[in-house]
PDB file of N, CA and C in Angstrom:
ATOM      1  N   MET A   1     -26.543 168.925 121.193  1.00  0.00           N
ATOM      2  CA  MET A   1     -25.404 168.145 121.670  1.00  0.00           C
ATOM      3  C   MET A   1     -25.376 166.913 121.134  1.00  0.00           C
ATOM      4  N   ASP A   2     -24.052 166.462 121.348  1.00  0.00           N
ATOM      5  CA  ASP A   2     -23.997 164.829 121.276  1.00  0.00           C
ATOM      6  C   ASP A   2     -23.467 164.562 122.560  1.00  0.00           C
ATOM      7  N   GLY A   3     -23.352 164.916 123.539  1.00  0.00           N
ATOM      8  CA  GLY A   3     -23.124 164.086 124.836  1.00  0.00           C
ATOM      9  C   GLY A   3     -21.540 164.021 125.177  1.00  0.00           C
ATOM     10  N   ARG A   4     -20.271 164.877 124.097  1.00  0.00           N
ATOM     11  CA  ARG A   4     -19.210 164.582 124.547  1.00  0.00           C
ATOM     12  C   ARG A   4     -18.788 165.493 126.026  1.00  0.00           C
ATOM     13  N   VAL A   5     -17.990 165.326 126.459  1.00  0.00           N
ATOM     14  CA  VAL A   5     -17.456 166.141 127.540  1.00  0.00           C
ATOM     15  C   VAL A   5     -16.001 166.805 127.911  1.00  0.00           C
ATOM     16  N   ALA A   6     -15.889 167.462 128.152  1.00  0.00           N
ATOM     17  CA  ALA A   6     -14.257 167.969 128.293  1.00  0.00           C
ATOM     18  C   ALA A   6     -13.772 168.290 129.737  1.00  0.00           C
ATOM     19  N   ARG A   7     -12.924 167.838 130.507  1.00  0.00           N
ATOM     20  CA  ARG A   7     -12.735 168.150 131.734  1.00  0.00           C
ATOM     21  C   ARG A   7     -11.595 168.982 131.718  1.00  0.00           C
ATOM     22  N   LEU A   8     -11.319 170.127 132.368  1.00  0.00           N
ATOM     23  CA  LEU A   8     -10.739 171.119 132.777  1.00  0.00           C
ATOM     24  C   LEU A   8      -9.817 170.897 133.758  1.00  0.00           C
ATOM     25  N   TYR A   9      -8.760 171.141 133.220  1.00  0.00           N
ATOM     26  CA  TYR A   9      -7.608 171.514 134.734  1.00  0.00           C
ATOM     27  C   TYR A   9      -6.681 172.687 134.937  1.00  0.00           C
ATOM     28  N   PRO A  10      -6.775 172.976 135.911  1.00  0.00           N
ATOM     29  CA  PRO A  10      -5.965 174.649 136.365  1.00  0.00           C
ATOM     30  C   PRO A  10      -4.706 174.657 135.801  1.00  0.00           C
ATOM     31  N   THR A  11      -4.383 175.415 135.335  1.00  0.00           N
ATOM     32  CA  THR A  11      -2.679 175.639 135.665  1.00  0.00           C
ATOM     33  C   THR A  11      -2.164 176.060 136.760  1.00  0.00           C
ATOM     34  N   SER A  12      -0.635 176.211 136.989  1.00  0.00           N
ATOM     35  CA  SER A  12       0.005 176.909 137.963  1.00  0.00           C
ATOM     36  C   SER A  12      -0.453 178.024 138.219  1.00  0.00           C
ATOM     37  N   LYS A  13      -0.901 178.969 137.187  1.00  0.00           N
ATOM     38  CA  LYS A  13      -1.617 180.066 137.582  1.00  0.00           C
ATOM     39  C   LYS A  13      -2.704 180.282 138.183  1.00  0.00           C
ATOM     40  N   ALA A  14      -3.696 179.442 137.909  1.00  0.00           N
ATOM     41  CA  ALA A  14      -4.645 179.871 138.162  1.00  0.00           C
ATOM     42  C   ALA A  14      -5.121 179.935 139.440  1.00  0.00           C
ATOM     43  N   PRO A  15      -4.703 179.588 140.744  1.00  0.00           N
ATOM     44  CA  PRO A  15      -5.173 180.265 142.010  1.00  0.00           C
ATOM     45  C   PRO A  15      -4.639 181.516 142.540  1.00  0.00           C
ATOM     46  N   ALA A  16      -3.578 181.952 141.729  1.00  0.00           N
ATOM     47  CA  ALA A  16      -3.107 183.892 141.672  1.00  0.00           C
ATOM     48  C   ALA A  16      -4.237 184.307 141.007  1.00  0.00           C
ATOM     49  N   ALA A  17      -4.778 184.081 139.828  1.00  0.00           N
ATOM     50  CA  ALA A  17      -5.725 184.539 139.132  1.00  0.00           C
ATOM     51  C   ALA A  17      -6.955 184.737 139.972  1.00  0.00           C
ATOM     52  N   ARG A  18      -7.460 183.396 140.472  1.00  0.00           N
ATOM     53  CA  ARG A  18      -8.722 183.475 141.614  1.00  0.00           C
ATOM     54  C   ARG A  18      -8.119 184.686 142.746  1.00  0.00           C
ATOM     55  N   GLY A  19      -7.301 184.450 143.095  1.00  0.00           N
ATOM     56  CA  GLY A  19      -7.085 185.504 144.293  1.00  0.00           C
ATOM     57  C   GLY A  19      -7.214 186.780 143.763  1.00  0.00           C
ATOM     58  N   ARG A  20      -7.007 186.856 142.378  1.00  0.00           N
ATOM     59  CA  ARG A  20      -7.181 188.515 142.402  1.00  0.00           C
ATOM     60  C   ARG A  20      -8.270 188.871 142.172  1.00  0.00           C
ATOM     61  N   ARG A  21      -9.132 187.664 141.203  1.00  0.00           N
ATOM     62  CA  ARG A  21     -10.597 188.384 140.888  1.00  0.00           C
ATOM     63  C   ARG A  21     -11.379 188.100 142.421  1.00  0.00           C
ATOM     64  N   GLU A  22     -11.153 187.420 142.896  1.00  0.00           N
ATOM     65  CA  GLU A  22     -11.770 187.751 144.507  1.00  0.00           C
ATOM     66  C   GLU A  22     -11.563 188.887 145.135  1.00  0.00           C
ATOM     67  N   GLU A  23     -10.416 189.233 144.960  1.00  0.00           N
ATOM     68  CA  GLU A  23      -9.956 190.976 145.698  1.00  0.00           C
ATOM     69  C   GLU A  23     -10.339 192.083 144.727  1.00  0.00           C
ATOM     70  N   ALA A  24     -10.749 191.765 143.828  1.00  0.00           N
ATOM     71  CA  ALA A  24     -11.427 192.703 143.363  1.00  0.00           C
ATOM     72  C   ALA A  24     -12.713 192.933 143.280  1.00  0.00           C
ATOM     73  N   TRP A  25     -13.540 191.328 143.499  1.00  0.00           N
ATOM     74  CA  TRP A  25     -14.840 191.800 143.805  1.00  0.00           C
ATOM     75  C   TRP A  25     -15.177 192.527 145.264  1.00  0.00           C
ATOM     76  N   GLY A  26     -14.319 191.658 146.176  1.00  0.00           N
ATOM     77  CA  GLY A  26     -14.055 192.500 147.874  1.00  0.00           C
ATOM     78  C   GLY A  26     -14.194 193.856 147.845  1.00  0.00           C
ATOM     79  N   ASP A  27     -13.294 194.428 146.928  1.00  0.00           N
ATOM     80  CA  ASP A  27     -12.941 195.861 146.874  1.00  0.00           C
ATOM     81  C   ASP A  27     -13.972 196.109 146.178  1.00  0.00           C
ATOM     82  N   SER A  28     -14.738 195.891 145.129  1.00  0.00           N
ATOM     83  CA  SER A  28     -15.913 196.542 144.390  1.00  0.00           C
ATOM     84  C   SER A  28     -16.874 196.082 145.518  1.00  0.00           C
ATOM     85  N   THR A  29     -17.122 195.109 146.469  1.00  0.00           N
ATOM     86  CA  THR A  29     -18.079 195.062 147.040  1.00  0.00           C
ATOM     87  C   THR A  29     -18.070 196.396 148.299  1.00  0.00           C
ATOM     88  N   ILE A  30     -17.046 196.202 148.782  1.00  0.00           N
ATOM     89  CA  ILE A  30     -16.944 197.231 150.046  1.00  0.00           C
ATOM     90  C   ILE A  30     -17.157 198.827 149.332  1.00  0.00           C
ATOM     91  N   ASP A  31     -16.964 198.977 148.231  1.00  0.00           N
ATOM     92  CA  ASP A  31     -17.067 200.673 147.452  1.00  0.00           C
ATOM     93  C   ASP A  31     -18.539 200.723 147.749  1.00  0.00           C
ATOM     94  N   ALA A  32     -19.342 199.358 146.948  1.00  0.00           N
ATOM     95  CA  ALA A  32     -20.859 199.616 147.048  1.00  0.00           C
ATOM     96  C   ALA A  32     -21.684 199.935 147.669  1.00  0.00           C
ATOM     97  N   LEU A  33     -20.777 199.200 149.048  1.00  0.00           N
ATOM     98  CA  LEU A  33     -21.451 198.815 150.560  1.00  0.00           C
ATOM     99  C   LEU A  33     -21.525 199.963 150.974  1.00  0.00           C
ATOM    100  N   ASP A  34     -20.548 200.985 150.794  1.00  0.00           N
ATOM    101  CA  ASP A  34     -20.567 202.711 151.096  1.00  0.00           C
ATOM    102  C   ASP A  34     -21.322 203.083 150.889  1.00  0.00           C
ATOM    103  N   HIS A  35     -21.932 203.146 149.670  1.00  0.00           N
ATOM    104  CA  HIS A  35     -23.069 203.984 149.035  1.00  0.00           C
ATOM    105  C   HIS A  35     -24.240 203.652 149.373  1.00  0.00           C
ATOM    106  N   LEU A  36     -24.404 202.709 150.204  1.00  0.00           N
ATOM    107  CA  LEU A  36     -25.924 202.358 150.296  1.00  0.00           C
ATOM    108  C   LEU A  36     -25.922 202.996 152.028  1.00  0.00           C
ATOM    109  N   GLU A  37     -27.706 202.750 152.212  1.00  0.00           N
ATOM    110  CA  GLU A  37     -27.832 203.125 153.810  1.00  0.00           C
ATOM    111  C   GLU A  37     -27.676 201.989 154.506  1.00  0.00           C
ATOM    112  N   PRO A  38     -27.028 203.006 155.844  1.00  0.00           N
ATOM    113  CA  PRO A  38     -26.307 201.973 156.630  1.00  0.00           C
ATOM    114  C   PRO A  38     -27.186 200.761 156.943  1.00  0.00           C
ATOM    115  N   ALA A  39     -28.243 200.761 157.071  1.00  0.00           N
ATOM    116  CA  ALA A  39     -29.216 199.590 157.374  1.00  0.00           C
ATOM    117  C   ALA A  39     -28.733 198.288 156.182  1.00  0.00           C
ATOM    118  N   ASP A  40     -29.148 198.727 155.438  1.00  0.00           N
ATOM    119  CA  ASP A  40     -29.243 198.141 154.131  1.00  0.00           C
ATOM    120  C   ASP A  40     -27.839 197.668 154.112  1.00  0.00           C
ATOM    121  N   ALA A  41     -26.347 197.978 154.092  1.00  0.00           N
ATOM    122  CA  ALA A  41     -25.147 197.527 154.136  1.00  0.00           C
ATOM    123  C   ALA A  41     -25.145 196.559 155.206  1.00  0.00           C
ATOM    124  N   GLU A  42     -25.659 196.808 156.460  1.00  0.00           N
ATOM    125  CA  GLU A  42     -25.344 195.720 157.590  1.00  0.00           C
ATOM    126  C   GLU A  42     -26.463 194.714 157.257  1.00  0.00           C
ATOM    127  N   ALA A  43     -27.405 194.616 156.464  1.00  0.00           N
ATOM    128  CA  ALA A  43     -28.288 193.840 156.447  1.00  0.00           C
ATOM    129  C   ALA A  43     -27.888 192.428 155.238  1.00  0.00           C
ATOM    130  N   LEU A  44     -26.941 193.055 154.109  1.00  0.00           N
ATOM    131  CA  LEU A  44     -26.131 192.312 153.365  1.00  0.00           C
ATOM    132  C   LEU A  44     -25.388 191.699 154.085  1.00  0.00           C
ATOM    133  N   LEU A  45     -24.244 192.018 154.855  1.00  0.00           N
ATOM    134  CA  LEU A  45     -23.268 191.993 155.461  1.00  0.00           C
ATOM    135  C   LEU A  45     -23.782 190.620 156.545  1.00  0.00           C
ATOM    136  N   ALA A  46     -24.616 190.932 157.111  1.00  0.00           N
ATOM    137  CA  ALA A  46     -25.348 189.728 157.938  1.00  0.00           C
ATOM    138  C   ALA A  46     -25.635 188.936 157.662  1.00  0.00           C
ATOM    139  N   ALA A  47     -26.081 188.462 156.172  1.00  0.00           N
ATOM    140  CA  ALA A  47     -26.487 188.041 155.503  1.00  0.00           C
ATOM    141  C   ALA A  47     -25.609 186.969 154.395  1.00  0.00           C
ATOM    142  N   SER A  48     -24.451 187.391 155.055  1.00  0.00           N
ATOM    143  CA  SER A  48     -23.046 186.881 153.731  1.00  0.00           C
ATOM    144  C   SER A  48     -22.622 185.469 154.437  1.00  0.00           C
ATOM    145  N   GLY A  49     -23.147 185.227 155.184  1.00  0.00           N
ATOM    146  CA  GLY A  49     -22.556 183.649 156.082  1.00  0.00           C
ATOM    147  C   GLY A  49     -23.523 182.778 155.199  1.00  0.00           C
ATOM    148  N   VAL A  50     -24.692 183.084 155.364  1.00  0.00           N
ATOM    149  CA  VAL A  50     -25.887 182.249 154.379  1.00  0.00           C
ATOM    150  C   VAL A  50     -25.841 182.043 153.398  1.00  0.00           C
ATOM    151  N   LEU A  51     -25.509 183.284 152.659  1.00  0.00           N
ATOM    152  CA  LEU A  51     -25.067 183.483 150.954  1.00  0.00           C
ATOM    153  C   LEU A  51     -23.739 182.131 150.740  1.00  0.00           C
ATOM    154  N   ARG A  52     -23.048 182.133 151.549  1.00  0.00           N
ATOM    155  CA  ARG A  52     -21.813 181.367 151.028  1.00  0.00           C
ATOM    156  C   ARG A  52     -22.199 180.018 151.494  1.00  0.00           C
ATOM    157  N   ARG A  53     -22.857 179.972 152.431  1.00  0.00           N
ATOM    158  CA  ARG A  53     -23.133 178.471 152.642  1.00  0.00           C
ATOM    159  C   ARG A  53     -24.275 177.981 151.505  1.00  0.00           C
ATOM    160  N   LEU A  54     -25.048 178.787 151.096  1.00  0.00           N
ATOM    161  CA  LEU A  54     -25.728 178.718 149.886  1.00  0.00           C
ATOM    162  C   LEU A  54     -24.891 178.249 148.616  1.00  0.00           C
ATOM    163  N   ALA A  55     -23.927 179.100 148.229  1.00  0.00           N
ATOM    164  CA  ALA A  55     -22.973 179.011 147.094  1.00  0.00           C
ATOM    165  C   ALA A  55     -22.371 177.676 147.241  1.00  0.00           C
ATOM    166  N   ASP A  56     -21.888 177.365 148.591  1.00  0.00           N
ATOM    167  CA  ASP A  56     -21.412 176.026 148.895  1.00  0.00           C
ATOM    168  C   ASP A  56     -22.501 174.976 148.323  1.00  0.00           C
ATOM    169  N   HIS A  57     -23.369 175.088 148.991  1.00  0.00           N
ATOM    170  CA  HIS A  57     -24.111 173.764 148.209  1.00  0.00           C
ATOM    171  C   HIS A  57     -24.768 173.665 147.308  1.00  0.00           C
ATOM    172  N   LEU A  58     -24.838 174.961 146.381  1.00  0.00           N
ATOM    173  CA  LEU A  58     -24.938 174.847 144.936  1.00  0.00           C
ATOM    174  C   LEU A  58     -24.039 174.155 144.449  1.00  0.00           C
ATOM    175  N   ALA A  59     -22.848 174.319 144.731  1.00  0.00           N
ATOM    176  CA  ALA A  59     -21.283 173.895 144.095  1.00  0.00           C
ATOM    177  C   ALA A  59     -21.491 172.692 144.200  1.00  0.00           C
ATOM    178  N   GLN A  60     -21.585 171.947 145.302  1.00  0.00           N
ATOM    179  CA  GLN A  60     -21.505 170.734 145.545  1.00  0.00           C
ATOM    180  C   GLN A  60     -22.555 169.431 144.829  1.00  0.00           C
ATOM    181  N   THR A  61     -23.508 170.404 144.986  1.00  0.00           N
ATOM    182  CA  THR A  61     -24.833 169.119 143.955  1.00  0.00           C
ATOM    183  C   THR A  61     -24.776 169.843 142.492  1.00  0.00           C
ATOM    184  N   GLY A  62     -23.897 170.594 142.164  1.00  0.00           N
ATOM    185  CA  GLY A  62     -23.744 171.110 140.809  1.00  0.00           C
ATOM    186  C   GLY A  62     -24.798 171.548 140.203  1.00  0.00           C
ATOM    187  N   ARG A  63     -25.338 172.776 140.613  1.00  0.00           N
ATOM    188  CA  ARG A  63     -26.632 173.364 140.707  1.00  0.00           C
ATOM    189  C   ARG A  63     -26.081 174.458 140.592  1.00  0.00           C
ATOM    190  N   PHE A  64     -24.904 175.038 140.250  1.00  0.00           N
ATOM    191  CA  PHE A  64     -24.257 176.225 140.504  1.00  0.00           C
ATOM    192  C   PHE A  64     -23.610 176.772 139.010  1.00  0.00           C
TER     193      PHE A  64
END
């Protein structure tokens, strides 16, 4: 690598596309949770806030 950097800027369609991706992930996750043991699904849902904070921290530090 020679050190060049490219900066990307979202288009006007990017927010809607992101929303569709997040909705699809949500739908898939709900479907997957329905196939787990109830205790496992509850544990994953209980951890979702902590996982979100971890993802936010990693994104802010550039380690994501």
